[in-house]
Amino acid sequence: MIDVDSTKTTFHLPNSLRARLKAVATKQDKPVTDLLTQGAELVLDRYENMMDREELRQRAAKAREQLRRGLYAGPSVADSADAILYPGRPPSKRTKKR
């Protein structure tokens, strides 16, 4: 069945690949065109998902960096604990990690 929204495309396949496609199409009782369409969809899904994964990797790296910056901002936890445990004692002279 020819889809109205389709384009006829010509490309070259090695004879061995064409023969294998025909054999599978015969066993599955499907046209070779259907198998080629399924194959094209699988390839597109694979590569489109790779782009999505790369974007997610970049976003995760950015989020980790923001988290690190947030963890080292502000007063140290030790100084806050010392103020509660030892009221009146001046804060320590610890240096902040950056």
N, C-alpha and C. Protein backbone atom coordinates (compact mmCIF):
# COMPACT_ATOMS: atom_id res chain seq x y z
N MET A 1 0.84 -1.18 0.00
CA MET A 1 0.00 0.00 0.00
C MET A 1 0.89 1.24 0.00
N ILE A 2 0.62 2.16 -0.89
CA ILE A 2 1.43 3.38 -1.01
C ILE A 2 0.80 4.47 -0.16
N ASP A 3 1.58 5.05 0.71
CA ASP A 3 1.14 6.13 1.58
C ASP A 3 1.11 7.42 0.77
N VAL A 4 0.06 8.21 0.92
CA VAL A 4 -0.08 9.46 0.18
C VAL A 4 1.03 10.43 0.56
N ASP A 5 1.45 10.41 1.81
CA ASP A 5 2.50 11.31 2.28
C ASP A 5 3.87 10.64 2.22
N SER A 6 4.17 9.97 1.14
CA SER A 6 5.46 9.30 1.03
C SER A 6 6.20 9.78 -0.22
N THR A 7 7.49 9.50 -0.25
CA THR A 7 8.35 9.87 -1.35
C THR A 7 9.07 8.63 -1.84
N LYS A 8 9.12 8.50 -3.14
CA LYS A 8 9.87 7.37 -3.71
C LYS A 8 11.35 7.73 -3.61
N THR A 9 12.14 6.82 -3.06
CA THR A 9 13.56 7.05 -2.86
C THR A 9 14.34 5.89 -3.46
N THR A 10 15.42 6.22 -4.12
CA THR A 10 16.29 5.19 -4.69
C THR A 10 17.63 5.24 -3.98
N PHE A 11 18.11 4.09 -3.53
CA PHE A 11 19.44 4.02 -2.95
C PHE A 11 19.99 2.63 -3.23
N HIS A 12 21.26 2.49 -3.07
CA HIS A 12 21.93 1.24 -3.38
C HIS A 12 22.16 0.42 -2.12
N LEU A 13 21.83 -0.86 -2.20
CA LEU A 13 22.08 -1.81 -1.12
C LEU A 13 22.99 -2.91 -1.66
N PRO A 14 23.88 -3.41 -0.84
CA PRO A 14 24.66 -4.58 -1.26
C PRO A 14 23.69 -5.73 -1.56
N ASN A 15 24.01 -6.53 -2.55
CA ASN A 15 23.14 -7.64 -2.95
C ASN A 15 22.85 -8.59 -1.79
N SER A 16 23.85 -8.84 -0.96
CA SER A 16 23.65 -9.76 0.17
C SER A 16 22.62 -9.21 1.16
N LEU A 17 22.66 -7.90 1.40
CA LEU A 17 21.71 -7.28 2.31
C LEU A 17 20.30 -7.30 1.71
N ARG A 18 20.21 -7.01 0.41
CA ARG A 18 18.92 -7.04 -0.27
C ARG A 18 18.31 -8.45 -0.22
N ALA A 19 19.14 -9.47 -0.41
CA ALA A 19 18.65 -10.85 -0.37
C ALA A 19 18.15 -11.21 1.03
N ARG A 20 18.89 -10.79 2.04
CA ARG A 20 18.47 -11.06 3.42
C ARG A 20 17.15 -10.35 3.74
N LEU A 21 17.02 -9.10 3.28
CA LEU A 21 15.77 -8.36 3.50
C LEU A 21 14.59 -9.08 2.83
N LYS A 22 14.80 -9.52 1.60
CA LYS A 22 13.73 -10.22 0.89
C LYS A 22 13.34 -11.51 1.61
N ALA A 23 14.33 -12.23 2.13
CA ALA A 23 14.05 -13.48 2.84
C ALA A 23 13.23 -13.22 4.10
N VAL A 24 13.61 -12.20 4.86
CA VAL A 24 12.88 -11.87 6.09
C VAL A 24 11.48 -11.38 5.74
N ALA A 25 11.37 -10.54 4.72
CA ALA A 25 10.07 -10.02 4.30
C ALA A 25 9.14 -11.18 3.90
N THR A 26 9.68 -12.16 3.20
CA THR A 26 8.87 -13.31 2.80
C THR A 26 8.41 -14.09 4.02
N LYS A 27 9.30 -14.33 4.96
CA LYS A 27 8.93 -15.07 6.17
C LYS A 27 7.88 -14.32 6.99
N GLN A 28 7.98 -13.00 7.02
CA GLN A 28 7.06 -12.18 7.82
C GLN A 28 5.82 -11.79 7.04
N ASP A 29 5.79 -12.15 5.75
CA ASP A 29 4.68 -11.80 4.86
C ASP A 29 4.46 -10.29 4.82
N LYS A 30 5.57 -9.56 4.66
CA LYS A 30 5.54 -8.11 4.59
C LYS A 30 6.35 -7.67 3.38
N PRO A 31 6.03 -6.49 2.84
CA PRO A 31 6.87 -5.96 1.76
C PRO A 31 8.22 -5.50 2.31
N VAL A 32 9.24 -5.56 1.47
CA VAL A 32 10.57 -5.09 1.86
C VAL A 32 10.51 -3.62 2.27
N THR A 33 9.66 -2.85 1.61
CA THR A 33 9.51 -1.42 1.94
C THR A 33 9.13 -1.23 3.40
N ASP A 34 8.24 -2.08 3.92
CA ASP A 34 7.86 -1.98 5.34
C ASP A 34 9.06 -2.24 6.25
N LEU A 35 9.87 -3.23 5.89
CA LEU A 35 11.06 -3.51 6.71
C LEU A 35 12.04 -2.34 6.66
N LEU A 36 12.21 -1.76 5.49
CA LEU A 36 13.12 -0.60 5.37
C LEU A 36 12.59 0.58 6.17
N THR A 37 11.29 0.78 6.16
CA THR A 37 10.69 1.87 6.95
C THR A 37 10.91 1.63 8.44
N GLN A 38 10.69 0.40 8.88
CA GLN A 38 10.93 0.07 10.29
C GLN A 38 12.39 0.30 10.67
N GLY A 39 13.29 -0.10 9.77
CA GLY A 39 14.72 0.10 10.03
C GLY A 39 15.07 1.57 10.13
N ALA A 40 14.51 2.38 9.23
CA ALA A 40 14.78 3.82 9.27
C ALA A 40 14.27 4.43 10.57
N GLU A 41 13.09 3.99 11.02
CA GLU A 41 12.54 4.50 12.28
C GLU A 41 13.42 4.12 13.47
N LEU A 42 13.93 2.90 13.47
CA LEU A 42 14.82 2.47 14.55
C LEU A 42 16.10 3.30 14.58
N VAL A 43 16.68 3.55 13.41
CA VAL A 43 17.90 4.35 13.35
C VAL A 43 17.63 5.77 13.83
N LEU A 44 16.52 6.36 13.39
CA LEU A 44 16.19 7.72 13.83
C LEU A 44 15.97 7.77 15.34
N ASP A 45 15.24 6.81 15.87
CA ASP A 45 15.03 6.77 17.33
C ASP A 45 16.36 6.69 18.07
N ARG A 46 17.25 5.85 17.57
CA ARG A 46 18.54 5.67 18.23
C ARG A 46 19.33 6.98 18.27
N TYR A 47 19.44 7.65 17.13
CA TYR A 47 20.25 8.86 17.07
C TYR A 47 19.56 10.06 17.70
N GLU A 48 18.25 10.14 17.60
CA GLU A 48 17.54 11.23 18.26
C GLU A 48 17.64 11.09 19.77
N ASN A 49 17.56 9.85 20.28
CA ASN A 49 17.72 9.62 21.72
C ASN A 49 19.13 9.93 22.18
N MET A 50 20.12 9.71 21.32
CA MET A 50 21.50 10.04 21.69
C MET A 50 21.63 11.54 21.93
N MET A 51 20.96 12.35 21.11
CA MET A 51 21.00 13.80 21.29
C MET A 51 20.31 14.17 22.59
N ASP A 52 19.18 13.51 22.91
CA ASP A 52 18.49 13.78 24.16
C ASP A 52 19.37 13.42 25.35
N ARG A 53 20.06 12.28 25.26
CA ARG A 53 20.94 11.87 26.36
C ARG A 53 22.08 12.86 26.54
N GLU A 54 22.63 13.37 25.44
CA GLU A 54 23.72 14.34 25.55
C GLU A 54 23.24 15.62 26.21
N GLU A 55 22.05 16.07 25.85
CA GLU A 55 21.50 17.26 26.49
C GLU A 55 21.29 17.03 27.98
N LEU A 56 20.78 15.85 28.34
CA LEU A 56 20.59 15.53 29.76
C LEU A 56 21.92 15.47 30.49
N ARG A 57 22.96 14.92 29.85
CA ARG A 57 24.29 14.87 30.46
C ARG A 57 24.80 16.29 30.75
N GLN A 58 24.61 17.18 29.78
CA GLN A 58 25.08 18.56 29.95
C GLN A 58 24.30 19.26 31.06
N ARG A 59 22.99 19.04 31.11
CA ARG A 59 22.18 19.66 32.15
C ARG A 59 22.56 19.13 33.53
N ALA A 60 22.85 17.83 33.62
CA ALA A 60 23.25 17.24 34.90
C ALA A 60 24.58 17.81 35.37
N ALA A 61 25.52 17.98 34.43
CA ALA A 61 26.82 18.55 34.79
C ALA A 61 26.65 19.98 35.31
N LYS A 62 25.80 20.74 34.67
CA LYS A 62 25.54 22.12 35.10
C LYS A 62 24.90 22.14 36.49
N ALA A 63 23.96 21.23 36.72
CA ALA A 63 23.29 21.15 38.03
C ALA A 63 24.28 20.76 39.12
N ARG A 64 25.18 19.80 38.82
CA ARG A 64 26.19 19.42 39.81
C ARG A 64 27.09 20.60 40.16
N GLU A 65 27.47 21.38 39.16
CA GLU A 65 28.33 22.54 39.41
C GLU A 65 27.61 23.57 40.27
N GLN A 66 26.33 23.81 39.99
CA GLN A 66 25.56 24.75 40.81
C GLN A 66 25.44 24.24 42.25
N LEU A 67 25.25 22.94 42.41
CA LEU A 67 25.17 22.36 43.74
C LEU A 67 26.48 22.54 44.50
N ARG A 68 27.60 22.28 43.81
CA ARG A 68 28.91 22.47 44.46
C ARG A 68 29.10 23.91 44.91
N ARG A 69 28.75 24.85 44.03
CA ARG A 69 28.90 26.27 44.41
C ARG A 69 28.03 26.59 45.62
N GLY A 70 26.81 26.03 45.65
CA GLY A 70 25.90 26.28 46.77
C GLY A 70 26.39 25.66 48.06
N LEU A 71 27.02 24.48 47.99
CA LEU A 71 27.51 23.83 49.19
C LEU A 71 28.62 24.61 49.86
N TYR A 72 29.43 25.29 49.09
CA TYR A 72 30.57 25.99 49.66
C TYR A 72 30.30 27.48 49.89
N ALA A 73 29.08 27.92 49.68
CA ALA A 73 28.74 29.33 49.91
C ALA A 73 28.27 29.51 51.36
N GLY A 74 28.46 30.67 51.89
CA GLY A 74 27.97 30.99 53.23
C GLY A 74 28.88 30.49 54.32
N PRO A 75 28.42 30.65 55.59
CA PRO A 75 29.25 30.24 56.73
C PRO A 75 29.39 28.73 56.80
N SER A 76 30.49 28.31 57.40
CA SER A 76 30.71 26.87 57.52
C SER A 76 29.75 26.29 58.55
N VAL A 77 29.42 25.03 58.39
CA VAL A 77 28.54 24.33 59.32
C VAL A 77 29.20 24.24 60.69
N ALA A 78 30.51 24.05 60.69
CA ALA A 78 31.23 23.95 61.96
C ALA A 78 31.09 25.23 62.77
N ASP A 79 31.17 26.39 62.12
CA ASP A 79 31.01 27.66 62.84
C ASP A 79 29.61 27.78 63.42
N SER A 80 28.59 27.35 62.64
CA SER A 80 27.22 27.41 63.15
C SER A 80 27.05 26.50 64.35
N ALA A 81 27.63 25.30 64.29
CA ALA A 81 27.53 24.36 65.41
C ALA A 81 28.26 24.91 66.63
N ASP A 82 29.45 25.49 66.43
CA ASP A 82 30.21 26.07 67.54
C ASP A 82 29.43 27.18 68.22
N ALA A 83 28.72 28.00 67.43
CA ALA A 83 27.95 29.11 68.01
C ALA A 83 26.83 28.58 68.91
N ILE A 84 26.26 27.43 68.52
CA ILE A 84 25.19 26.84 69.33
C ILE A 84 25.78 26.17 70.58
N LEU A 85 26.88 25.44 70.40
CA LEU A 85 27.46 24.68 71.51
C LEU A 85 28.23 25.55 72.50
N TYR A 86 28.89 26.58 71.97
CA TYR A 86 29.74 27.44 72.81
C TYR A 86 29.35 28.90 72.61
N PRO A 87 28.20 29.30 73.15
CA PRO A 87 27.77 30.69 72.95
C PRO A 87 28.80 31.67 73.53
N GLY A 88 28.98 32.76 72.83
CA GLY A 88 29.91 33.78 73.28
C GLY A 88 31.31 33.60 72.74
N ARG A 89 31.67 32.44 72.25
CA ARG A 89 33.00 32.20 71.68
C ARG A 89 33.04 32.78 70.26
N PRO A 90 34.11 33.49 69.93
CA PRO A 90 34.20 34.04 68.57
C PRO A 90 34.35 32.92 67.53
N PRO A 91 33.85 33.13 66.30
CA PRO A 91 33.97 32.09 65.26
C PRO A 91 35.43 31.80 64.97
N SER A 92 35.67 30.58 64.51
CA SER A 92 37.05 30.18 64.21
C SER A 92 37.56 30.91 62.96
N LYS A 93 38.85 30.80 62.73
CA LYS A 93 39.49 31.47 61.61
C LYS A 93 39.66 30.50 60.42
N ARG A 94 38.75 29.54 60.27
CA ARG A 94 38.84 28.59 59.16
C ARG A 94 38.68 29.32 57.84
N THR A 95 39.33 28.79 56.84
CA THR A 95 39.18 29.36 55.50
C THR A 95 38.16 28.52 54.74
N LYS A 96 37.41 29.19 53.89
CA LYS A 96 36.41 28.50 53.09
C LYS A 96 37.06 27.84 51.89
N LYS A 97 36.55 26.67 51.57
CA LYS A 97 37.03 26.01 50.34
C LYS A 97 36.29 26.61 49.16
N ARG A 98 36.97 26.75 48.07
CA ARG A 98 36.36 27.27 46.82
C ARG A 98 36.70 26.40 45.69
